[in-house]
Amino acid sequence: MNKALVLKDIHKVFNKGTVNEKVALNGLSIELDPGDFVTIIGGNGAGKSTMLNAIAGVWPVDSGQIIVNGEDITSLPEHKRAMYLGRVFQDPMTGTAATMDIEENMALAYRRGRKRTLKRGLTKEERDLFKEKLATLDLGLEERMTTKVGLLSGGQRQAVTLLMASLKKPELLLLDEHTAALDPKTAAKVLEISDQIINEYHLTAMMVTHNMKDAIVHGNRLIMMNEGRIIYDVRGEEKKNLHVKDLLTKFEEVSGTEFANDRMMLS
């Protein structure tokens, strides 16, 4: 069986040869099995979001290989990788079109990768499907399908974006601090919806988070990054039994430095 994701010795340096040179990914390697839900933590500049951007093809990597379900996508441009990936960003405003209805946004996501035709509007079948999917969120949005997305709260918008990102059952779902801009109660609801969607569709997912407790509670595997590589990888029972202090101790042990990220420490 193919691995859901293989990152093989990925290197990325920004502003090479200048005073602003920054080694962002430094020999990064990881393999994900189908159905893995990996949470990703690390200090500022550890390479967490850089890794997701590398997978999504936001810019080319300097060297290494990116393989999704047996397909080498290393040299594919970003728009061609969209058929393999779903992504939810930190900013609830990203990933949806504010001036379009909920159902129109969902139709765009649902038709992604299909041949464009001149046929406008939604079919009854599409509308029924979207209504059914929205009802699973338990936010009453199935009764507001013609509401402009720009009128939704941040949490409602992230929930819709999650649905959109998973409608086509992507090979890999990338969650980039997707609850960081939300208040704690709303963040908890969006995480609950994330778990529900990942479980229901049996998705393989990677979630960058600044909240160590969330990283422990969610998913079946946790990785810690530092200076562009993975320094700790834990799964199963061992992961479930972790406490925040264990992660801090582990970080200091493996990296030889104290964990310097106030936002993460406070959460």
C-alpha atoms as a PDB file:
ATOM      1  CA  MET A   1       0.000   0.000   0.000  1.00  0.00           C
ATOM      2  CA  ASN A   2       1.238   3.478  -0.878  1.00  0.00           C
ATOM      3  CA  LYS A   3       2.153   5.902   1.875  1.00  0.00           C
ATOM      4  CA  ALA A   4      -0.279   8.830   2.019  1.00  0.00           C
ATOM      5  CA  LEU A   5       2.670  11.238   2.099  1.00  0.00           C
ATOM      6  CA  VAL A   6       6.434  10.905   1.807  1.00  0.00           C
ATOM      7  CA  LEU A   7       8.716  13.894   2.320  1.00  0.00           C
ATOM      8  CA  LYS A   8      12.257  12.833   1.465  1.00  0.00           C
ATOM      9  CA  ASP A   9      15.204  15.003   2.537  1.00  0.00           C
ATOM     10  CA  ILE A  10      13.529  18.341   1.804  1.00  0.00           C
ATOM     11  CA  HIS A  11      15.732  21.446   1.817  1.00  0.00           C
ATOM     12  CA  LYS A  12      14.581  25.050   1.456  1.00  0.00           C
ATOM     13  CA  VAL A  13      16.656  28.200   1.968  1.00  0.00           C
ATOM     14  CA  PHE A  14      15.149  31.662   1.574  1.00  0.00           C
ATOM     15  CA  ASN A  15      17.214  34.665   0.390  1.00  0.00           C
ATOM     16  CA  LYS A  16      20.211  32.457  -0.314  1.00  0.00           C
ATOM     17  CA  GLY A  17      23.562  34.242  -0.317  1.00  0.00           C
ATOM     18  CA  THR A  18      22.188  37.427   1.274  1.00  0.00           C
ATOM     19  CA  VAL A  19      22.388  38.788   4.832  1.00  0.00           C
ATOM     20  CA  ASN A  20      18.766  37.651   5.237  1.00  0.00           C
ATOM     21  CA  GLU A  21      19.536  34.015   4.383  1.00  0.00           C
ATOM     22  CA  LYS A  22      17.230  31.682   6.315  1.00  0.00           C
ATOM     23  CA  VAL A  23      17.428  27.892   6.312  1.00  0.00           C
ATOM     24  CA  ALA A  24      13.727  27.030   6.535  1.00  0.00           C
ATOM     25  CA  LEU A  25      13.751  23.262   5.921  1.00  0.00           C
ATOM     26  CA  ASN A  26      16.898  21.292   6.612  1.00  0.00           C
ATOM     27  CA  GLY A  27      16.774  17.675   5.462  1.00  0.00           C
ATOM     28  CA  LEU A  28      13.122  17.254   6.462  1.00  0.00           C
ATOM     29  CA  SER A  29      11.850  13.685   6.076  1.00  0.00           C
ATOM     30  CA  ILE A  30       8.585  12.078   7.173  1.00  0.00           C
ATOM     31  CA  GLU A  31       6.201   9.323   6.039  1.00  0.00           C
ATOM     32  CA  LEU A  32       2.448   9.284   6.739  1.00  0.00           C
ATOM     33  CA  ASP A  33       0.245   6.202   6.514  1.00  0.00           C
ATOM     34  CA  PRO A  34      -3.282   6.572   5.097  1.00  0.00           C
ATOM     35  CA  GLY A  35      -5.559   7.827   7.897  1.00  0.00           C
ATOM     36  CA  ASP A  36      -2.750   9.355   9.973  1.00  0.00           C
ATOM     37  CA  PHE A  37      -3.798  12.590  11.692  1.00  0.00           C
ATOM     38  CA  VAL A  38      -0.546  14.316  12.657  1.00  0.00           C
ATOM     39  CA  THR A  39      -0.397  17.372  14.915  1.00  0.00           C
ATOM     40  CA  ILE A  40       2.667  19.591  14.470  1.00  0.00           C
ATOM     41  CA  ILE A  41       4.243  21.815  17.114  1.00  0.00           C
ATOM     42  CA  GLY A  42       7.461  23.797  17.406  1.00  0.00           C
ATOM     43  CA  GLY A  43       8.804  27.249  18.253  1.00  0.00           C
ATOM     44  CA  ASN A  44       8.646  30.312  16.019  1.00  0.00           C
ATOM     45  CA  GLY A  45      10.516  29.708  12.759  1.00  0.00           C
ATOM     46  CA  ALA A  46      10.738  25.935  13.341  1.00  0.00           C
ATOM     47  CA  GLY A  47       9.465  25.261   9.810  1.00  0.00           C
ATOM     48  CA  LYS A  48       5.885  24.130  10.552  1.00  0.00           C
ATOM     49  CA  SER A  49       3.988  26.316   8.068  1.00  0.00           C
ATOM     50  CA  THR A  50       6.971  26.193   5.697  1.00  0.00           C
ATOM     51  CA  MET A  51       6.500  22.416   5.525  1.00  0.00           C
ATOM     52  CA  LEU A  52       2.795  22.794   4.633  1.00  0.00           C
ATOM     53  CA  ASN A  53       3.675  25.427   1.999  1.00  0.00           C
ATOM     54  CA  ALA A  54       6.254  23.042   0.517  1.00  0.00           C
ATOM     55  CA  ILE A  55       3.635  20.278   0.259  1.00  0.00           C
ATOM     56  CA  ALA A  56       1.085  22.692  -1.255  1.00  0.00           C
ATOM     57  CA  GLY A  57       3.622  23.990  -3.788  1.00  0.00           C
ATOM     58  CA  VAL A  58       3.506  27.649  -2.713  1.00  0.00           C
ATOM     59  CA  TRP A  59       7.144  27.766  -3.904  1.00  0.00           C
ATOM     60  CA  PRO A  60       9.544  25.075  -5.174  1.00  0.00           C
ATOM     61  CA  VAL A  61      11.822  23.235  -2.748  1.00  0.00           C
ATOM     62  CA  ASP A  62      15.604  23.415  -3.329  1.00  0.00           C
ATOM     63  CA  SER A  63      16.016  19.635  -3.175  1.00  0.00           C
ATOM     64  CA  GLY A  64      14.211  16.505  -2.009  1.00  0.00           C
ATOM     65  CA  GLN A  65      11.019  14.716  -2.996  1.00  0.00           C
ATOM     66  CA  ILE A  66       7.313  15.149  -2.183  1.00  0.00           C
ATOM     67  CA  ILE A  67       5.200  12.050  -2.890  1.00  0.00           C
ATOM     68  CA  VAL A  68       1.427  11.940  -2.277  1.00  0.00           C
ATOM     69  CA  ASN A  69      -0.182   8.496  -2.454  1.00  0.00           C
ATOM     70  CA  GLY A  70       2.556   7.201  -4.755  1.00  0.00           C
ATOM     71  CA  GLU A  71       2.506  10.257  -7.067  1.00  0.00           C
ATOM     72  CA  ASP A  72       5.654  12.391  -7.163  1.00  0.00           C
ATOM     73  CA  ILE A  73       4.300  15.959  -7.070  1.00  0.00           C
ATOM     74  CA  THR A  74       7.651  17.686  -6.373  1.00  0.00           C
ATOM     75  CA  SER A  75       7.679  19.572  -9.664  1.00  0.00           C
ATOM     76  CA  LEU A  76       3.925  20.149 -10.012  1.00  0.00           C
ATOM     77  CA  PRO A  77       2.767  23.799  -9.819  1.00  0.00           C
ATOM     78  CA  GLU A  78       0.490  24.803  -6.940  1.00  0.00           C
ATOM     79  CA  HIS A  79      -2.778  24.771  -8.951  1.00  0.00           C
ATOM     80  CA  LYS A  80      -2.138  21.206 -10.140  1.00  0.00           C
ATOM     81  CA  ARG A  81      -1.569  20.000  -6.563  1.00  0.00           C
ATOM     82  CA  ALA A  82      -5.019  21.286  -5.567  1.00  0.00           C
ATOM     83  CA  MET A  83      -6.605  18.039  -6.818  1.00  0.00           C
ATOM     84  CA  TYR A  84      -4.646  16.100  -4.160  1.00  0.00           C
ATOM     85  CA  LEU A  85      -4.931  18.545  -1.271  1.00  0.00           C
ATOM     86  CA  GLY A  86      -7.435  20.347   0.929  1.00  0.00           C
ATOM     87  CA  ARG A  87      -6.227  23.280   3.004  1.00  0.00           C
ATOM     88  CA  VAL A  88      -7.588  25.513   5.770  1.00  0.00           C
ATOM     89  CA  PHE A  89      -5.636  28.614   6.779  1.00  0.00           C
ATOM     90  CA  GLN A  90      -5.296  30.588  10.008  1.00  0.00           C
ATOM     91  CA  ASP A  91      -7.291  33.544   8.695  1.00  0.00           C
ATOM     92  CA  PRO A  92     -11.026  32.717   8.402  1.00  0.00           C
ATOM     93  CA  MET A  93     -11.157  35.202   5.490  1.00  0.00           C
ATOM     94  CA  THR A  94      -8.837  33.024   3.377  1.00  0.00           C
ATOM     95  CA  GLY A  95     -10.261  30.078   1.504  1.00  0.00           C
ATOM     96  CA  THR A  96     -13.755  31.447   0.879  1.00  0.00           C
ATOM     97  CA  ALA A  97     -15.200  34.165  -1.357  1.00  0.00           C
ATOM     98  CA  ALA A  98     -16.875  36.693   0.957  1.00  0.00           C
ATOM     99  CA  THR A  99     -19.264  38.128  -1.648  1.00  0.00           C
ATOM    100  CA  MET A 100     -20.603  34.721  -2.690  1.00  0.00           C
ATOM    101  CA  ASP A 101     -23.289  32.622  -0.970  1.00  0.00           C
ATOM    102  CA  ILE A 102     -22.445  29.607   1.186  1.00  0.00           C
ATOM    103  CA  GLU A 103     -23.844  27.284  -1.490  1.00  0.00           C
ATOM    104  CA  GLU A 104     -21.896  29.036  -4.273  1.00  0.00           C
ATOM    105  CA  ASN A 105     -18.659  28.676  -2.302  1.00  0.00           C
ATOM    106  CA  MET A 106     -19.386  24.990  -1.762  1.00  0.00           C
ATOM    107  CA  ALA A 107     -20.153  24.511  -5.462  1.00  0.00           C
ATOM    108  CA  LEU A 108     -16.761  26.007  -6.371  1.00  0.00           C
ATOM    109  CA  ALA A 109     -15.028  23.542  -4.045  1.00  0.00           C
ATOM    110  CA  TYR A 110     -17.176  20.624  -5.238  1.00  0.00           C
ATOM    111  CA  ARG A 111     -16.427  21.297  -8.911  1.00  0.00           C
ATOM    112  CA  ARG A 112     -12.700  21.845  -8.409  1.00  0.00           C
ATOM    113  CA  GLY A 113     -10.652  19.913 -10.939  1.00  0.00           C
ATOM    114  CA  ARG A 114     -13.645  19.330 -13.210  1.00  0.00           C
ATOM    115  CA  LYS A 115     -13.929  20.743 -16.697  1.00  0.00           C
ATOM    116  CA  ARG A 116     -15.549  24.182 -16.602  1.00  0.00           C
ATOM    117  CA  THR A 117     -18.762  24.501 -18.603  1.00  0.00           C
ATOM    118  CA  LEU A 118     -21.040  27.407 -19.431  1.00  0.00           C
ATOM    119  CA  LYS A 119     -23.808  25.871 -17.342  1.00  0.00           C
ATOM    120  CA  ARG A 120     -24.588  28.171 -14.453  1.00  0.00           C
ATOM    121  CA  GLY A 121     -26.346  27.586 -11.176  1.00  0.00           C
ATOM    122  CA  LEU A 122     -26.577  24.617  -8.835  1.00  0.00           C
ATOM    123  CA  THR A 123     -28.314  21.346  -9.552  1.00  0.00           C
ATOM    124  CA  LYS A 124     -30.907  20.024  -7.083  1.00  0.00           C
ATOM    125  CA  GLU A 125     -28.549  17.129  -6.377  1.00  0.00           C
ATOM    126  CA  GLU A 126     -25.716  19.522  -5.418  1.00  0.00           C
ATOM    127  CA  ARG A 127     -27.991  21.667  -3.279  1.00  0.00           C
ATOM    128  CA  ASP A 128     -29.296  18.606  -1.400  1.00  0.00           C
ATOM    129  CA  LEU A 129     -25.736  17.361  -0.832  1.00  0.00           C
ATOM    130  CA  PHE A 130     -24.549  20.734   0.502  1.00  0.00           C
ATOM    131  CA  LYS A 131     -27.582  20.994   2.786  1.00  0.00           C
ATOM    132  CA  GLU A 132     -26.892  17.534   4.184  1.00  0.00           C
ATOM    133  CA  LYS A 133     -23.187  18.305   4.752  1.00  0.00           C
ATOM    134  CA  LEU A 134     -23.910  21.691   6.388  1.00  0.00           C
ATOM    135  CA  ALA A 135     -26.428  20.039   8.740  1.00  0.00           C
ATOM    136  CA  THR A 136     -23.633  17.846  10.152  1.00  0.00           C
ATOM    137  CA  LEU A 137     -21.906  20.991  11.462  1.00  0.00           C
ATOM    138  CA  ASP A 138     -24.807  21.599  13.846  1.00  0.00           C
ATOM    139  CA  LEU A 139     -24.553  25.385  13.326  1.00  0.00           C
ATOM    140  CA  GLY A 140     -27.877  25.927  11.515  1.00  0.00           C
ATOM    141  CA  LEU A 141     -26.072  26.895   8.297  1.00  0.00           C
ATOM    142  CA  GLU A 142     -28.134  24.453   6.226  1.00  0.00           C
ATOM    143  CA  GLU A 143     -30.993  26.977   6.606  1.00  0.00           C
ATOM    144  CA  ARG A 144     -28.766  29.870   5.483  1.00  0.00           C
ATOM    145  CA  MET A 145     -27.302  28.520   2.242  1.00  0.00           C
ATOM    146  CA  THR A 146     -27.988  31.738   0.327  1.00  0.00           C
ATOM    147  CA  THR A 147     -26.290  33.901   3.003  1.00  0.00           C
ATOM    148  CA  LYS A 148     -23.125  35.677   1.858  1.00  0.00           C
ATOM    149  CA  VAL A 149     -20.091  34.038   3.475  1.00  0.00           C
ATOM    150  CA  GLY A 150     -18.762  37.487   4.465  1.00  0.00           C
ATOM    151  CA  LEU A 151     -21.677  37.788   6.918  1.00  0.00           C
ATOM    152  CA  LEU A 152     -20.679  34.680   8.883  1.00  0.00           C
ATOM    153  CA  SER A 153     -18.681  34.702  12.100  1.00  0.00           C
ATOM    154  CA  GLY A 154     -15.041  33.542  12.021  1.00  0.00           C
ATOM    155  CA  GLY A 155     -15.949  30.155  13.479  1.00  0.00           C
ATOM    156  CA  GLN A 156     -18.831  29.587  11.055  1.00  0.00           C
ATOM    157  CA  ARG A 157     -16.560  30.563   8.197  1.00  0.00           C
ATOM    158  CA  GLN A 158     -13.809  28.138   9.260  1.00  0.00           C
ATOM    159  CA  ALA A 159     -16.407  25.374   9.589  1.00  0.00           C
ATOM    160  CA  VAL A 160     -17.605  26.036   6.013  1.00  0.00           C
ATOM    161  CA  THR A 161     -13.980  26.152   4.787  1.00  0.00           C
ATOM    162  CA  LEU A 162     -13.334  22.758   6.446  1.00  0.00           C
ATOM    163  CA  LEU A 163     -16.343  21.291   4.654  1.00  0.00           C
ATOM    164  CA  MET A 164     -15.179  22.797   1.360  1.00  0.00           C
ATOM    165  CA  ALA A 165     -11.629  21.458   1.827  1.00  0.00           C
ATOM    166  CA  SER A 166     -12.940  17.931   2.430  1.00  0.00           C
ATOM    167  CA  LEU A 167     -15.858  17.740  -0.043  1.00  0.00           C
ATOM    168  CA  LYS A 168     -13.724  16.006  -2.677  1.00  0.00           C
ATOM    169  CA  LYS A 169     -12.029  13.727  -0.105  1.00  0.00           C
ATOM    170  CA  PRO A 170      -8.482  15.001  -0.663  1.00  0.00           C
ATOM    171  CA  GLU A 171      -5.473  12.694  -0.377  1.00  0.00           C
ATOM    172  CA  LEU A 172      -4.198  15.048   2.326  1.00  0.00           C
ATOM    173  CA  LEU A 173      -5.872  17.737   4.455  1.00  0.00           C
ATOM    174  CA  LEU A 174      -3.579  20.555   5.637  1.00  0.00           C
ATOM    175  CA  LEU A 175      -4.740  22.590   8.659  1.00  0.00           C
ATOM    176  CA  ASP A 176      -2.458  25.572   9.225  1.00  0.00           C
ATOM    177  CA  GLU A 177      -3.203  26.965  12.716  1.00  0.00           C
ATOM    178  CA  HIS A 178      -6.839  27.040  11.588  1.00  0.00           C
ATOM    179  CA  THR A 179      -8.182  27.859  15.062  1.00  0.00           C
ATOM    180  CA  ALA A 180      -5.554  30.433  16.094  1.00  0.00           C
ATOM    181  CA  ALA A 181      -7.687  33.470  15.182  1.00  0.00           C
ATOM    182  CA  LEU A 182     -10.771  32.194  17.056  1.00  0.00           C
ATOM    183  CA  ASP A 183     -11.856  32.606  20.675  1.00  0.00           C
ATOM    184  CA  PRO A 184     -11.352  29.467  22.841  1.00  0.00           C
ATOM    185  CA  LYS A 185     -14.999  28.308  22.731  1.00  0.00           C
ATOM    186  CA  THR A 186     -15.255  28.699  18.944  1.00  0.00           C
ATOM    187  CA  ALA A 187     -11.807  27.118  18.467  1.00  0.00           C
ATOM    188  CA  ALA A 188     -12.956  24.061  20.445  1.00  0.00           C
ATOM    189  CA  LYS A 189     -16.057  23.740  18.225  1.00  0.00           C
ATOM    190  CA  VAL A 190     -14.005  24.024  15.017  1.00  0.00           C
ATOM    191  CA  LEU A 191     -11.581  21.357  16.324  1.00  0.00           C
ATOM    192  CA  GLU A 192     -14.522  19.093  17.136  1.00  0.00           C
ATOM    193  CA  ILE A 193     -15.790  19.571  13.553  1.00  0.00           C
ATOM    194  CA  SER A 194     -12.264  18.891  12.219  1.00  0.00           C
ATOM    195  CA  ASP A 195     -12.125  15.574  14.115  1.00  0.00           C
ATOM    196  CA  GLN A 196     -15.607  14.667  12.880  1.00  0.00           C
ATOM    197  CA  ILE A 197     -14.776  15.357   9.208  1.00  0.00           C
ATOM    198  CA  ILE A 198     -11.381  13.598   9.340  1.00  0.00           C
ATOM    199  CA  ASN A 199     -12.940  10.513  10.959  1.00  0.00           C
ATOM    200  CA  GLU A 200     -16.014  10.408   8.721  1.00  0.00           C
ATOM    201  CA  TYR A 201     -14.036  10.656   5.473  1.00  0.00           C
ATOM    202  CA  HIS A 202     -11.044   8.628   6.767  1.00  0.00           C
ATOM    203  CA  LEU A 203      -8.769  11.501   5.731  1.00  0.00           C
ATOM    204  CA  THR A 204      -5.025  11.792   6.205  1.00  0.00           C
ATOM    205  CA  ALA A 205      -4.398  15.149   7.879  1.00  0.00           C
ATOM    206  CA  MET A 206      -1.634  17.412   9.195  1.00  0.00           C
ATOM    207  CA  MET A 207      -2.479  20.125  11.721  1.00  0.00           C
ATOM    208  CA  VAL A 208      -0.076  22.878  12.749  1.00  0.00           C
ATOM    209  CA  THR A 209      -1.072  24.260  16.150  1.00  0.00           C
ATOM    210  CA  HIS A 210       0.416  26.580  18.758  1.00  0.00           C
ATOM    211  CA  ASN A 211      -1.668  24.886  21.460  1.00  0.00           C
ATOM    212  CA  MET A 212       0.231  21.987  23.027  1.00  0.00           C
ATOM    213  CA  LYS A 213      -2.874  20.592  24.740  1.00  0.00           C
ATOM    214  CA  ASP A 214      -4.709  20.454  21.403  1.00  0.00           C
ATOM    215  CA  ALA A 215      -1.671  18.786  19.822  1.00  0.00           C
ATOM    216  CA  ILE A 216      -1.829  16.044  22.476  1.00  0.00           C
ATOM    217  CA  VAL A 217      -5.626  15.570  22.463  1.00  0.00           C
ATOM    218  CA  HIS A 218      -6.189  15.499  18.695  1.00  0.00           C
ATOM    219  CA  GLY A 219      -4.829  13.078  16.141  1.00  0.00           C
ATOM    220  CA  ASN A 220      -2.987   9.764  16.451  1.00  0.00           C
ATOM    221  CA  ARG A 221       0.523  11.159  16.020  1.00  0.00           C
ATOM    222  CA  LEU A 222       2.471  14.247  17.122  1.00  0.00           C
ATOM    223  CA  ILE A 223       5.659  15.680  15.667  1.00  0.00           C
ATOM    224  CA  MET A 224       7.821  18.450  17.074  1.00  0.00           C
ATOM    225  CA  MET A 225       9.917  20.568  14.746  1.00  0.00           C
ATOM    226  CA  ASN A 226      12.997  22.701  15.343  1.00  0.00           C
ATOM    227  CA  GLU A 227      15.256  24.481  12.862  1.00  0.00           C
ATOM    228  CA  GLY A 228      13.582  22.962   9.811  1.00  0.00           C
ATOM    229  CA  ARG A 229      13.575  19.322  10.834  1.00  0.00           C
ATOM    230  CA  ILE A 230      11.619  16.878  12.990  1.00  0.00           C
ATOM    231  CA  ILE A 231      13.168  16.329  16.417  1.00  0.00           C
ATOM    232  CA  TYR A 232      10.406  14.236  18.036  1.00  0.00           C
ATOM    233  CA  ASP A 233       7.771  11.886  16.595  1.00  0.00           C
ATOM    234  CA  VAL A 234       5.313  10.092  18.879  1.00  0.00           C
ATOM    235  CA  ARG A 235       2.093   8.165  18.310  1.00  0.00           C
ATOM    236  CA  GLY A 236      -0.581   5.898  19.795  1.00  0.00           C
ATOM    237  CA  GLU A 237      -0.767   5.279  23.540  1.00  0.00           C
ATOM    238  CA  GLU A 238       2.504   7.073  24.207  1.00  0.00           C
ATOM    239  CA  LYS A 239       1.060  10.231  22.635  1.00  0.00           C
ATOM    240  CA  LYS A 240      -2.232   9.956  24.554  1.00  0.00           C
ATOM    241  CA  ASN A 241      -0.356   9.811  27.862  1.00  0.00           C
ATOM    242  CA  LEU A 242       1.722  12.943  27.207  1.00  0.00           C
ATOM    243  CA  HIS A 243       1.447  16.135  29.242  1.00  0.00           C
ATOM    244  CA  VAL A 244       2.543  19.624  28.181  1.00  0.00           C
ATOM    245  CA  LYS A 245       5.486  19.489  30.602  1.00  0.00           C
ATOM    246  CA  ASP A 246       6.655  16.254  28.915  1.00  0.00           C
ATOM    247  CA  LEU A 247       6.764  18.067  25.568  1.00  0.00           C
ATOM    248  CA  LEU A 248       8.739  20.980  27.031  1.00  0.00           C
ATOM    249  CA  THR A 249      11.208  18.572  28.673  1.00  0.00           C
ATOM    250  CA  LYS A 250      11.532  16.599  25.436  1.00  0.00           C
ATOM    251  CA  PHE A 251      12.178  19.786  23.459  1.00  0.00           C
ATOM    252  CA  GLU A 252      14.975  20.858  25.805  1.00  0.00           C
ATOM    253  CA  GLU A 253      16.440  17.341  25.779  1.00  0.00           C
ATOM    254  CA  VAL A 254      16.505  16.979  21.995  1.00  0.00           C
ATOM    255  CA  SER A 255      17.310  20.555  20.958  1.00  0.00           C
ATOM    256  CA  GLY A 256      19.556  21.563  23.848  1.00  0.00           C
ATOM    257  CA  THR A 257      17.673  24.867  24.228  1.00  0.00           C
ATOM    258  CA  GLU A 258      14.621  26.107  26.108  1.00  0.00           C
ATOM    259  CA  PHE A 259      11.305  26.265  24.288  1.00  0.00           C
ATOM    260  CA  ALA A 260      10.938  29.934  23.312  1.00  0.00           C
ATOM    261  CA  ASN A 261       7.398  30.585  22.157  1.00  0.00           C
ATOM    262  CA  ASP A 262       5.300  32.634  24.559  1.00  0.00           C
ATOM    263  CA  ARG A 263       2.077  32.033  22.655  1.00  0.00           C
ATOM    264  CA  MET A 264       2.510  28.289  22.890  1.00  0.00           C
ATOM    265  CA  MET A 265       3.554  28.381  26.556  1.00  0.00           C
ATOM    266  CA  LEU A 266       0.555  30.482  27.523  1.00  0.00           C
ATOM    267  CA  SER A 267      -1.881  28.142  25.778  1.00  0.00           C
END
